[in-house]
Amino acid sequence: MPEFEKEPDVFEVWKCSEQALRVFLQCATQWNVVTTMNGVFRTGLDYTAVRAVMELMVEDRSQWLDILRDIRSIESGALTGFSKVNH
């Protein structure tokens, strides 16, 4: 079956992580990258962009720190996944 015809992966998101995932997904193009002779590598999110997205999406600033912690956990997992693809 061609890649474009495959069913997308379905996964459950805990309610407590939903807002962080939404912010993270809106930052999908905001990765810092390093280019070397071995390729292009993501090093982490641009936190200036993350803050801008949070300002737009999260009204209650008292939630920001918890959301940022969750985003950093998601980011860590994504970076692990990216590193496996690059090697």
N, C-alpha and C. Protein backbone atom coordinates (compact mmCIF):
# COMPACT_ATOMS: atom_id res chain seq x y z
N MET A 1 0.84 -1.17 0.00
CA MET A 1 0.00 0.00 0.00
C MET A 1 0.90 1.25 0.00
N PRO A 2 0.66 2.18 -0.91
CA PRO A 2 1.46 3.42 -0.94
C PRO A 2 1.32 4.18 0.38
N GLU A 3 2.39 4.89 0.76
CA GLU A 3 2.43 5.63 2.02
C GLU A 3 1.24 6.57 2.18
N PHE A 4 0.84 7.26 1.11
CA PHE A 4 -0.24 8.25 1.22
C PHE A 4 -1.61 7.61 1.44
N GLU A 5 -1.73 6.30 1.23
CA GLU A 5 -3.02 5.63 1.43
C GLU A 5 -3.15 4.99 2.80
N LYS A 6 -2.07 4.97 3.57
CA LYS A 6 -2.12 4.34 4.88
C LYS A 6 -2.98 5.16 5.84
N GLU A 7 -3.65 4.45 6.73
CA GLU A 7 -4.44 5.11 7.76
C GLU A 7 -3.51 5.84 8.72
N PRO A 8 -3.89 7.03 9.16
CA PRO A 8 -3.04 7.73 10.12
C PRO A 8 -3.04 7.00 11.47
N ASP A 9 -1.94 7.15 12.20
CA ASP A 9 -1.88 6.60 13.55
C ASP A 9 -2.89 7.33 14.42
N VAL A 10 -3.57 6.60 15.25
CA VAL A 10 -4.54 7.17 16.18
C VAL A 10 -4.01 6.95 17.58
N PHE A 11 -4.06 7.97 18.39
CA PHE A 11 -3.59 7.83 19.76
C PHE A 11 -4.44 8.68 20.68
N GLU A 12 -4.45 8.30 21.92
CA GLU A 12 -5.23 9.02 22.92
C GLU A 12 -4.34 10.07 23.59
N VAL A 13 -4.90 11.22 23.86
CA VAL A 13 -4.20 12.29 24.57
C VAL A 13 -4.93 12.54 25.87
N TRP A 14 -4.20 12.49 26.97
CA TRP A 14 -4.82 12.77 28.25
C TRP A 14 -5.29 14.22 28.27
N LYS A 15 -6.40 14.46 28.90
CA LYS A 15 -6.96 15.80 29.00
C LYS A 15 -5.95 16.80 29.58
N CYS A 16 -5.18 16.35 30.58
CA CYS A 16 -4.22 17.24 31.23
C CYS A 16 -3.06 17.63 30.29
N SER A 17 -2.87 16.90 29.20
CA SER A 17 -1.78 17.19 28.26
C SER A 17 -2.27 17.82 26.97
N GLU A 18 -3.57 17.96 26.83
CA GLU A 18 -4.15 18.42 25.57
C GLU A 18 -3.66 19.81 25.16
N GLN A 19 -3.67 20.76 26.09
CA GLN A 19 -3.28 22.13 25.75
C GLN A 19 -1.81 22.19 25.34
N ALA A 20 -0.96 21.47 26.05
CA ALA A 20 0.47 21.45 25.69
C ALA A 20 0.67 20.86 24.30
N LEU A 21 -0.05 19.79 23.99
CA LEU A 21 0.08 19.19 22.66
C LEU A 21 -0.39 20.15 21.58
N ARG A 22 -1.47 20.84 21.83
CA ARG A 22 -1.98 21.81 20.85
C ARG A 22 -0.94 22.91 20.58
N VAL A 23 -0.34 23.44 21.64
CA VAL A 23 0.69 24.47 21.47
C VAL A 23 1.89 23.88 20.72
N PHE A 24 2.33 22.69 21.14
CA PHE A 24 3.46 22.03 20.49
C PHE A 24 3.21 21.86 18.99
N LEU A 25 2.05 21.39 18.63
CA LEU A 25 1.74 21.18 17.21
C LEU A 25 1.72 22.48 16.42
N GLN A 26 1.33 23.57 17.06
CA GLN A 26 1.35 24.87 16.38
C GLN A 26 2.78 25.38 16.18
N CYS A 27 3.71 24.81 16.92
CA CYS A 27 5.13 25.20 16.80
C CYS A 27 5.90 24.26 15.88
N ALA A 28 5.21 23.49 15.09
CA ALA A 28 5.84 22.43 14.29
C ALA A 28 6.95 22.94 13.36
N THR A 29 6.88 24.18 12.95
CA THR A 29 7.91 24.71 12.04
C THR A 29 8.94 25.56 12.77
N GLN A 30 8.94 25.51 14.08
CA GLN A 30 9.78 26.41 14.87
C GLN A 30 10.97 25.70 15.53
N TRP A 31 11.57 24.76 14.83
CA TRP A 31 12.72 24.04 15.36
C TRP A 31 14.00 24.79 15.06
N ASN A 32 14.90 24.84 16.06
CA ASN A 32 16.27 25.30 15.81
C ASN A 32 17.01 24.14 15.16
N VAL A 33 17.82 24.45 14.16
CA VAL A 33 18.55 23.40 13.45
C VAL A 33 20.03 23.75 13.36
N VAL A 34 20.82 22.71 13.26
CA VAL A 34 22.25 22.84 13.04
C VAL A 34 22.57 22.05 11.78
N THR A 35 23.31 22.67 10.88
CA THR A 35 23.70 22.00 9.64
C THR A 35 25.18 21.64 9.74
N THR A 36 25.47 20.37 9.50
CA THR A 36 26.85 19.90 9.51
C THR A 36 27.11 19.14 8.22
N MET A 37 28.31 18.65 8.07
CA MET A 37 28.62 17.83 6.89
C MET A 37 27.84 16.52 6.92
N ASN A 38 27.35 16.13 8.09
CA ASN A 38 26.60 14.88 8.22
C ASN A 38 25.10 15.08 8.06
N GLY A 39 24.66 16.30 7.90
CA GLY A 39 23.23 16.53 7.71
C GLY A 39 22.71 17.70 8.53
N VAL A 40 21.40 17.80 8.55
CA VAL A 40 20.71 18.85 9.28
C VAL A 40 20.06 18.20 10.50
N PHE A 41 20.29 18.78 11.67
CA PHE A 41 19.81 18.20 12.92
C PHE A 41 19.01 19.23 13.71
N ARG A 42 17.88 18.80 14.22
CA ARG A 42 17.09 19.65 15.10
C ARG A 42 17.72 19.62 16.49
N THR A 43 17.79 20.80 17.13
CA THR A 43 18.39 20.88 18.46
C THR A 43 17.38 21.24 19.53
N GLY A 44 16.19 21.63 19.13
CA GLY A 44 15.15 22.00 20.09
C GLY A 44 14.26 23.08 19.50
N LEU A 45 13.20 23.35 20.20
CA LEU A 45 12.26 24.38 19.74
C LEU A 45 12.81 25.78 19.99
N ASP A 46 12.37 26.72 19.20
CA ASP A 46 12.65 28.13 19.40
C ASP A 46 11.66 28.62 20.46
N TYR A 47 12.14 28.86 21.67
CA TYR A 47 11.24 29.18 22.78
C TYR A 47 10.63 30.58 22.66
N THR A 48 11.22 31.44 21.86
CA THR A 48 10.57 32.72 21.58
C THR A 48 9.28 32.47 20.81
N ALA A 49 9.32 31.56 19.87
CA ALA A 49 8.13 31.20 19.11
C ALA A 49 7.12 30.48 19.99
N VAL A 50 7.59 29.62 20.87
CA VAL A 50 6.69 28.90 21.79
C VAL A 50 5.94 29.92 22.65
N ARG A 51 6.66 30.92 23.16
CA ARG A 51 6.00 31.94 23.98
C ARG A 51 4.95 32.69 23.16
N ALA A 52 5.27 33.05 21.93
CA ALA A 52 4.31 33.76 21.08
C ALA A 52 3.05 32.93 20.86
N VAL A 53 3.22 31.64 20.63
CA VAL A 53 2.07 30.76 20.44
C VAL A 53 1.27 30.65 21.73
N MET A 54 1.95 30.54 22.86
CA MET A 54 1.24 30.45 24.13
C MET A 54 0.45 31.73 24.40
N GLU A 55 1.01 32.89 24.05
CA GLU A 55 0.28 34.15 24.23
C GLU A 55 -1.02 34.16 23.45
N LEU A 56 -1.01 33.53 22.28
CA LEU A 56 -2.21 33.47 21.45
C LEU A 56 -3.20 32.40 21.89
N MET A 57 -2.69 31.31 22.43
CA MET A 57 -3.56 30.15 22.68
C MET A 57 -3.96 29.93 24.13
N VAL A 58 -3.18 30.45 25.08
CA VAL A 58 -3.42 30.15 26.49
C VAL A 58 -3.69 31.45 27.24
N GLU A 59 -4.94 31.69 27.54
CA GLU A 59 -5.32 32.94 28.21
C GLU A 59 -4.82 33.00 29.65
N ASP A 60 -4.89 31.91 30.36
CA ASP A 60 -4.53 31.88 31.78
C ASP A 60 -3.03 31.70 31.93
N ARG A 61 -2.34 32.81 32.16
CA ARG A 61 -0.87 32.77 32.26
C ARG A 61 -0.38 31.91 33.42
N SER A 62 -1.23 31.67 34.41
CA SER A 62 -0.81 30.83 35.54
C SER A 62 -0.59 29.38 35.10
N GLN A 63 -1.07 29.01 33.92
CA GLN A 63 -0.89 27.65 33.39
C GLN A 63 0.39 27.52 32.56
N TRP A 64 1.00 28.63 32.21
CA TRP A 64 2.12 28.61 31.28
C TRP A 64 3.27 27.71 31.71
N LEU A 65 3.66 27.76 32.97
CA LEU A 65 4.81 26.98 33.42
C LEU A 65 4.52 25.48 33.30
N ASP A 66 3.33 25.06 33.70
CA ASP A 66 2.98 23.64 33.57
C ASP A 66 2.94 23.22 32.11
N ILE A 67 2.37 24.06 31.26
CA ILE A 67 2.30 23.76 29.83
C ILE A 67 3.70 23.70 29.24
N LEU A 68 4.57 24.64 29.63
CA LEU A 68 5.94 24.62 29.12
C LEU A 68 6.67 23.34 29.54
N ARG A 69 6.47 22.90 30.76
CA ARG A 69 7.08 21.63 31.20
C ARG A 69 6.61 20.47 30.33
N ASP A 70 5.32 20.44 30.04
CA ASP A 70 4.78 19.37 29.19
C ASP A 70 5.33 19.47 27.77
N ILE A 71 5.44 20.69 27.25
CA ILE A 71 5.99 20.88 25.90
C ILE A 71 7.43 20.39 25.86
N ARG A 72 8.20 20.67 26.89
CA ARG A 72 9.59 20.21 26.93
C ARG A 72 9.68 18.69 26.95
N SER A 73 8.74 18.04 27.61
CA SER A 73 8.71 16.57 27.59
C SER A 73 8.39 16.05 26.20
N ILE A 74 7.42 16.67 25.54
CA ILE A 74 7.07 16.28 24.17
C ILE A 74 8.27 16.53 23.25
N GLU A 75 8.90 17.68 23.42
CA GLU A 75 10.07 18.04 22.61
C GLU A 75 11.19 17.01 22.79
N SER A 76 11.42 16.59 24.01
CA SER A 76 12.47 15.60 24.28
C SER A 76 12.19 14.29 23.54
N GLY A 77 10.95 13.85 23.58
CA GLY A 77 10.59 12.64 22.86
C GLY A 77 10.74 12.80 21.36
N ALA A 78 10.35 13.97 20.86
CA ALA A 78 10.48 14.23 19.43
C ALA A 78 11.95 14.24 19.02
N LEU A 79 12.81 14.87 19.82
CA LEU A 79 14.24 14.91 19.49
C LEU A 79 14.84 13.51 19.49
N THR A 80 14.40 12.68 20.41
CA THR A 80 14.86 11.28 20.43
C THR A 80 14.45 10.58 19.14
N GLY A 81 13.21 10.78 18.74
CA GLY A 81 12.73 10.19 17.49
C GLY A 81 13.48 10.72 16.27
N PHE A 82 13.72 12.03 16.23
CA PHE A 82 14.48 12.61 15.11
C PHE A 82 15.89 12.05 15.05
N SER A 83 16.51 11.86 16.20
CA SER A 83 17.90 11.37 16.20
C SER A 83 17.97 9.94 15.68
N LYS A 84 16.94 9.15 15.90
CA LYS A 84 16.92 7.78 15.38
C LYS A 84 16.78 7.78 13.87
N VAL A 85 16.06 8.74 13.34
CA VAL A 85 15.88 8.84 11.89
C VAL A 85 17.17 9.30 11.23
N ASN A 86 17.93 10.16 11.90
CA ASN A 86 19.15 10.73 11.33
C ASN A 86 20.34 9.77 11.38
N HIS A 87 20.24 8.68 12.14
CA HIS A 87 21.40 7.77 12.26
C HIS A 87 21.13 6.48 11.56
